[in-house]
N, C-alpha and C. Protein backbone atom coordinates (compact mmCIF):
# COMPACT_ATOMS: atom_id res chain seq x y z
N MET A 1 78.23 177.94 56.62
CA MET A 1 77.91 176.89 57.30
C MET A 1 77.33 177.39 58.40
N THR A 2 76.16 177.14 58.47
CA THR A 2 75.40 177.65 59.87
C THR A 2 76.31 177.70 61.66
N THR A 3 75.55 178.50 62.31
CA THR A 3 76.08 178.13 63.24
C THR A 3 75.97 176.45 64.15
N MET A 4 75.26 176.39 64.52
CA MET A 4 74.57 175.07 64.74
C MET A 4 75.62 174.01 63.66
N ASN A 5 75.55 174.01 62.63
CA ASN A 5 76.55 172.77 62.15
C ASN A 5 78.29 173.20 63.08
N SER A 6 78.56 174.01 62.91
CA SER A 6 79.99 174.72 63.06
C SER A 6 79.52 173.83 64.93
N SER A 7 78.48 173.97 65.61
CA SER A 7 79.25 173.04 66.76
C SER A 7 79.08 171.68 66.28
N ILE A 8 78.43 171.07 65.74
CA ILE A 8 78.20 170.08 65.66
C ILE A 8 80.02 169.15 65.23
N ILE A 9 80.47 170.15 64.82
CA ILE A 9 81.60 170.31 63.48
C ILE A 9 82.41 169.37 65.05
N ARG A 10 82.67 171.12 65.37
CA ARG A 10 83.49 171.02 67.13
C ARG A 10 83.22 169.73 68.25
N ASP A 11 82.28 169.43 68.01
CA ASP A 11 81.84 168.60 69.25
C ASP A 11 82.57 166.70 68.24
N LEU A 12 82.12 166.95 67.19
CA LEU A 12 83.13 165.90 66.75
C LEU A 12 84.69 165.03 66.49
N ARG A 13 85.06 166.92 66.28
CA ARG A 13 86.47 166.64 66.94
C ARG A 13 87.41 166.13 67.53
N ILE A 14 86.08 166.80 68.81
CA ILE A 14 86.64 166.21 70.52
C ILE A 14 86.62 165.50 70.38
N VAL A 15 85.32 164.69 69.89
CA VAL A 15 85.12 163.08 70.33
C VAL A 15 86.61 162.24 69.24
N ALA A 16 87.08 162.77 68.51
CA ALA A 16 87.62 162.27 67.84
C ALA A 16 88.82 161.84 68.25
N ASP A 17 89.47 163.37 68.70
CA ASP A 17 90.91 163.87 69.59
C ASP A 17 90.72 163.14 70.74
N ARG A 18 90.03 162.53 71.66
CA ARG A 18 89.81 161.83 73.06
C ARG A 18 90.18 160.22 72.45
N LEU A 19 89.16 160.04 71.55
CA LEU A 19 89.85 158.41 71.29
C LEU A 19 90.15 157.89 70.16
N LEU A 20 90.85 158.95 69.48
CA LEU A 20 91.92 158.62 68.64
C LEU A 20 93.40 158.91 68.32
N ALA A 21 93.42 159.96 70.02
CA ALA A 21 95.00 160.93 69.69
C ALA A 21 95.70 159.72 69.06
N GLU A 22 96.15 158.42 69.54
CA GLU A 22 97.11 158.05 69.74
C GLU A 22 96.87 156.86 68.10
N SER A 23 95.81 157.33 67.26
CA SER A 23 95.83 156.22 65.82
C SER A 23 95.67 157.29 65.12
N LEU A 24 96.58 157.98 64.73
CA LEU A 24 96.57 159.27 63.60
C LEU A 24 96.07 158.46 62.26
N ASN A 25 96.38 156.72 62.07
CA ASN A 25 95.98 156.54 60.56
C ASN A 25 94.74 156.36 60.20
N PHE A 26 93.37 156.86 61.17
CA PHE A 26 91.81 157.15 61.48
C PHE A 26 92.06 158.36 60.35
N GLU A 27 90.62 158.48 59.90
CA GLU A 27 90.25 159.74 59.50
C GLU A 27 88.61 159.70 59.66
N ILE A 28 87.90 161.40 59.69
CA ILE A 28 86.93 161.20 59.91
C ILE A 28 86.49 162.13 58.82
N TYR A 29 85.29 162.17 57.93
CA TYR A 29 84.88 162.87 57.34
C TYR A 29 83.59 163.30 57.75
N LEU A 30 83.41 164.45 57.23
CA LEU A 30 81.18 165.02 57.35
C LEU A 30 80.96 165.04 55.55
N PHE A 31 79.78 164.37 55.64
CA PHE A 31 79.44 164.28 54.03
C PHE A 31 77.69 164.97 53.97
N GLY A 32 77.13 164.58 53.19
CA GLY A 32 75.39 165.12 53.01
C GLY A 32 75.53 166.57 53.64
N SER A 33 74.15 166.73 53.56
CA SER A 33 73.92 168.29 54.39
C SER A 33 74.06 168.94 55.46
N THR A 34 74.70 168.62 56.38
CA THR A 34 75.66 169.22 57.36
C THR A 34 76.93 169.75 56.62
N ALA A 35 77.24 169.02 55.58
CA ALA A 35 78.51 169.12 55.37
C ALA A 35 78.70 170.25 54.12
N LYS A 36 77.08 169.80 53.71
CA LYS A 36 76.87 171.57 52.32
C LYS A 36 76.19 172.26 53.25
N GLY A 37 76.06 172.34 54.40
CA GLY A 37 75.33 174.11 55.24
C GLY A 37 74.45 173.90 55.14
N VAL A 38 73.20 172.88 55.21
CA VAL A 38 72.07 172.93 54.77
C VAL A 38 71.32 173.35 55.81
N SER A 39 70.47 174.51 56.71
CA SER A 39 70.05 175.14 57.30
C SER A 39 69.29 174.02 58.55
N ASN A 40 68.85 172.72 57.80
CA ASN A 40 68.27 171.94 58.96
C ASN A 40 67.92 170.56 58.68
N PRO A 41 69.46 170.16 58.66
CA PRO A 41 69.64 169.06 58.04
C PRO A 41 68.88 167.44 58.53
N GLN A 42 68.84 166.61 58.18
CA GLN A 42 67.74 165.38 59.20
C GLN A 42 68.26 164.96 59.87
N ASP A 43 69.85 164.72 59.43
CA ASP A 43 70.71 164.29 60.45
C ASP A 43 72.55 164.61 59.75
N THR A 44 73.46 164.15 60.79
CA THR A 44 74.45 164.41 60.36
C THR A 44 75.10 163.54 60.08
N ASP A 45 75.61 163.10 58.51
CA ASP A 45 76.39 162.06 58.07
C ASP A 45 77.81 162.01 58.65
N VAL A 46 78.50 160.97 58.95
CA VAL A 46 79.76 161.40 59.46
C VAL A 46 80.68 159.62 58.38
N ALA A 47 81.62 159.41 58.05
CA ALA A 47 82.26 158.37 57.45
C ALA A 47 83.34 158.03 58.71
N VAL A 48 83.80 157.28 59.25
CA VAL A 48 85.15 156.61 59.41
C VAL A 48 85.91 156.10 59.01
N ILE A 49 87.06 156.35 58.52
CA ILE A 49 87.59 155.69 57.53
C ILE A 49 88.85 155.11 58.54
N TYR A 50 88.93 153.52 58.44
CA TYR A 50 89.98 152.88 59.59
C TYR A 50 91.17 151.98 58.47
N PRO A 51 92.31 151.98 59.39
CA PRO A 51 93.01 151.06 59.08
C PRO A 51 93.33 149.92 58.85
N GLU A 52 93.57 149.11 58.42
CA GLU A 52 93.37 147.32 58.51
C GLU A 52 93.58 146.97 59.76
N GLY A 53 92.65 145.71 60.84
CA GLY A 53 92.96 145.45 61.72
C GLY A 53 92.65 146.40 62.78
N SER A 54 92.13 147.24 62.86
CA SER A 54 91.67 148.22 63.45
C SER A 54 90.09 148.28 63.96
N LEU A 55 89.34 147.33 63.39
CA LEU A 55 87.75 147.44 63.25
C LEU A 55 87.32 147.88 64.72
N GLU A 56 87.71 147.35 65.75
CA GLU A 56 86.82 147.35 67.27
C GLU A 56 87.42 148.75 67.61
N LEU A 57 88.50 150.14 66.99
CA LEU A 57 88.18 151.09 67.24
C LEU A 57 87.57 151.68 66.47
N ALA A 58 87.36 151.35 65.43
CA ALA A 58 86.50 152.15 64.67
C ALA A 58 84.60 151.68 64.80
N HIS A 59 84.29 150.99 65.24
CA HIS A 59 82.92 150.89 66.32
C HIS A 59 82.85 151.58 67.21
N LEU A 60 84.28 151.17 68.18
CA LEU A 60 84.02 152.51 69.06
C LEU A 60 84.20 153.59 69.01
N VAL A 61 84.58 154.37 68.10
CA VAL A 61 84.15 155.58 67.11
C VAL A 61 83.08 155.47 67.14
N ALA A 62 82.32 154.80 65.90
CA ALA A 62 81.22 155.20 65.58
C ALA A 62 79.97 155.16 66.71
N GLU A 63 80.59 153.85 67.25
CA GLU A 63 79.40 153.94 68.54
C GLU A 63 79.15 155.39 69.80
N LYS A 64 80.47 155.64 69.99
CA LYS A 64 80.70 156.73 70.58
C LYS A 64 79.19 157.92 69.77
N TYR A 65 79.87 158.16 68.74
CA TYR A 65 79.22 159.27 67.30
C TYR A 65 77.89 159.26 67.89
N ARG A 66 77.20 158.15 67.64
CA ARG A 66 75.77 157.73 67.58
C ARG A 66 75.08 157.55 69.50
N THR A 67 75.50 157.72 69.89
CA THR A 67 74.77 157.54 71.10
C THR A 67 75.09 159.42 72.00
N LEU A 68 75.66 160.10 71.32
CA LEU A 68 75.99 161.91 71.49
C LEU A 68 74.37 162.67 71.27
N ASP A 69 73.85 162.97 72.06
CA ASP A 69 72.84 163.42 72.14
C ASP A 69 72.75 165.52 71.54
N PHE A 70 72.75 164.52 69.69
CA PHE A 70 72.73 165.99 68.83
C PHE A 70 71.27 165.58 68.19
N SER A 71 71.24 167.08 67.83
CA SER A 71 69.61 167.05 67.06
C SER A 71 70.64 167.65 66.12
N PRO A 72 70.31 167.09 64.80
CA PRO A 72 70.16 165.99 64.19
C PRO A 72 71.20 165.41 64.19
N PRO A 73 70.65 163.39 64.63
CA PRO A 73 71.00 162.63 64.69
C PRO A 73 72.09 162.63 64.03
N ILE A 74 73.40 161.87 64.25
CA ILE A 74 74.10 161.41 63.65
C ILE A 74 74.70 160.01 62.97
N GLU A 75 74.31 159.81 62.04
CA GLU A 75 74.34 158.48 61.22
C GLU A 75 75.99 158.42 61.07
N VAL A 76 76.38 157.11 60.95
CA VAL A 76 77.58 156.76 60.73
C VAL A 76 78.00 155.16 59.76
N ILE A 77 79.18 155.50 58.85
CA ILE A 77 79.51 154.94 58.30
C ILE A 77 80.90 154.48 58.63
N ALA A 78 81.54 153.12 58.51
CA ALA A 78 82.51 153.04 58.81
C ALA A 78 83.01 152.65 57.83
N LEU A 79 84.27 152.54 56.89
CA LEU A 79 84.74 151.89 55.48
C LEU A 79 86.44 151.43 56.23
N SER A 80 86.85 150.64 55.80
CA SER A 80 88.31 150.47 56.05
C SER A 80 89.08 151.33 55.01
N GLN A 81 90.35 151.43 55.29
CA GLN A 81 91.06 152.57 54.15
C GLN A 81 91.13 151.22 52.74
N SER A 82 90.77 150.15 52.48
CA SER A 82 91.14 149.47 51.44
C SER A 82 89.95 149.43 50.90
N GLU A 83 88.49 149.39 51.69
CA GLU A 83 87.77 149.73 51.49
C GLU A 83 87.27 151.35 50.35
N GLN A 84 87.38 151.99 51.15
CA GLN A 84 87.49 153.75 51.00
C GLN A 84 88.31 153.52 49.69
N LYS A 85 89.11 152.62 49.31
CA LYS A 85 90.05 152.58 48.31
C LYS A 85 89.59 152.58 46.79
N GLU A 86 88.61 151.34 47.53
CA GLU A 86 88.27 150.42 45.97
C GLU A 86 87.17 150.78 45.87
N CYS A 87 86.00 151.70 46.63
CA CYS A 87 84.88 152.51 46.14
C CYS A 87 84.91 153.52 45.95
N ASP A 88 85.83 154.66 46.00
CA ASP A 88 85.90 156.19 46.15
C ASP A 88 84.59 156.31 47.24
N PHE A 89 84.11 155.94 48.08
CA PHE A 89 82.97 156.36 48.79
C PHE A 89 83.27 158.26 49.02
N LEU A 90 84.62 158.61 49.11
CA LEU A 90 84.15 159.94 49.95
C LEU A 90 84.61 161.00 48.82
N SER A 91 84.50 160.50 47.55
CA SER A 91 84.69 161.35 45.97
C SER A 91 82.99 161.21 45.50
N LEU A 92 82.67 160.11 45.71
CA LEU A 92 81.61 160.47 45.53
C LEU A 92 79.78 160.68 46.37
N VAL A 93 80.54 161.16 48.15
CA VAL A 93 79.41 161.71 48.77
C VAL A 93 80.04 163.23 48.56
N GLU A 94 81.43 163.42 48.17
CA GLU A 94 81.63 164.95 47.76
C GLU A 94 81.76 165.30 49.95
N ALA A 95 82.82 164.09 50.51
CA ALA A 95 82.79 164.50 51.66
C ALA A 95 84.10 165.69 52.20
N SER A 96 84.31 166.47 53.41
CA SER A 96 84.99 166.75 53.94
C SER A 96 85.84 166.36 55.20
N LEU A 97 87.10 166.37 54.99
CA LEU A 97 87.76 165.78 56.08
C LEU A 97 87.96 166.59 57.17
N LEU A 98 87.28 165.90 58.32
CA LEU A 98 87.03 166.42 59.74
C LEU A 98 88.11 166.65 60.45
N TRP A 99 88.82 165.59 60.52
CA TRP A 99 89.50 165.31 61.72
C TRP A 99 90.57 163.70 60.96
N PRO A 100 92.14 163.95 60.85
CA PRO A 100 92.24 164.82 61.72
C PRO A 100 92.66 166.63 61.07
N LEU A 101 92.95 167.19 61.55
CA LEU A 101 92.85 168.80 60.98
C LEU A 101 94.66 169.21 60.43
N PRO A 102 95.05 169.16 59.20
CA PRO A 102 96.23 169.58 59.24
C PRO A 102 96.94 170.39 60.34
N GLU A 103 97.88 170.81 60.61
CA GLU A 103 98.54 171.17 61.56
C GLU A 103 98.16 172.62 61.22
N SER A 104 97.85 172.89 60.25
CA SER A 104 97.98 174.30 59.69
C SER A 104 97.21 174.92 60.11
N LYS A 105 96.23 174.19 60.39
CA LYS A 105 95.15 174.68 60.63
C LYS A 105 94.63 174.22 62.72
N LEU A 106 95.23 173.74 63.08
CA LEU A 106 95.58 173.66 64.45
C LEU A 106 95.89 174.51 64.85
N THR A 107 95.97 175.58 64.49
CA THR A 107 96.96 177.07 65.34
C THR A 107 96.24 177.58 64.98
């Protein structure tokens, strides 16, 4: 993964930590060219997976990501947990978990 991609990933995790600290049923995934380590991706693809009844918070997270001044720009897709389960989007796009980090990776 390139240094630029590592910087983007760090910043995306910081935003999730700030907005979702009390909402651990959310998951944030990275997919597409940035996740694959492409050196000059056209965008950074992020998937927000949210629990039923939390659409408003998912929109807040997506909007915060979209307004970050990143180059390449961030593209966000939000799916409820049931939508994700039904279409298995994360497997189809070979997404990588971005947030929350497993406890073993926090230290």
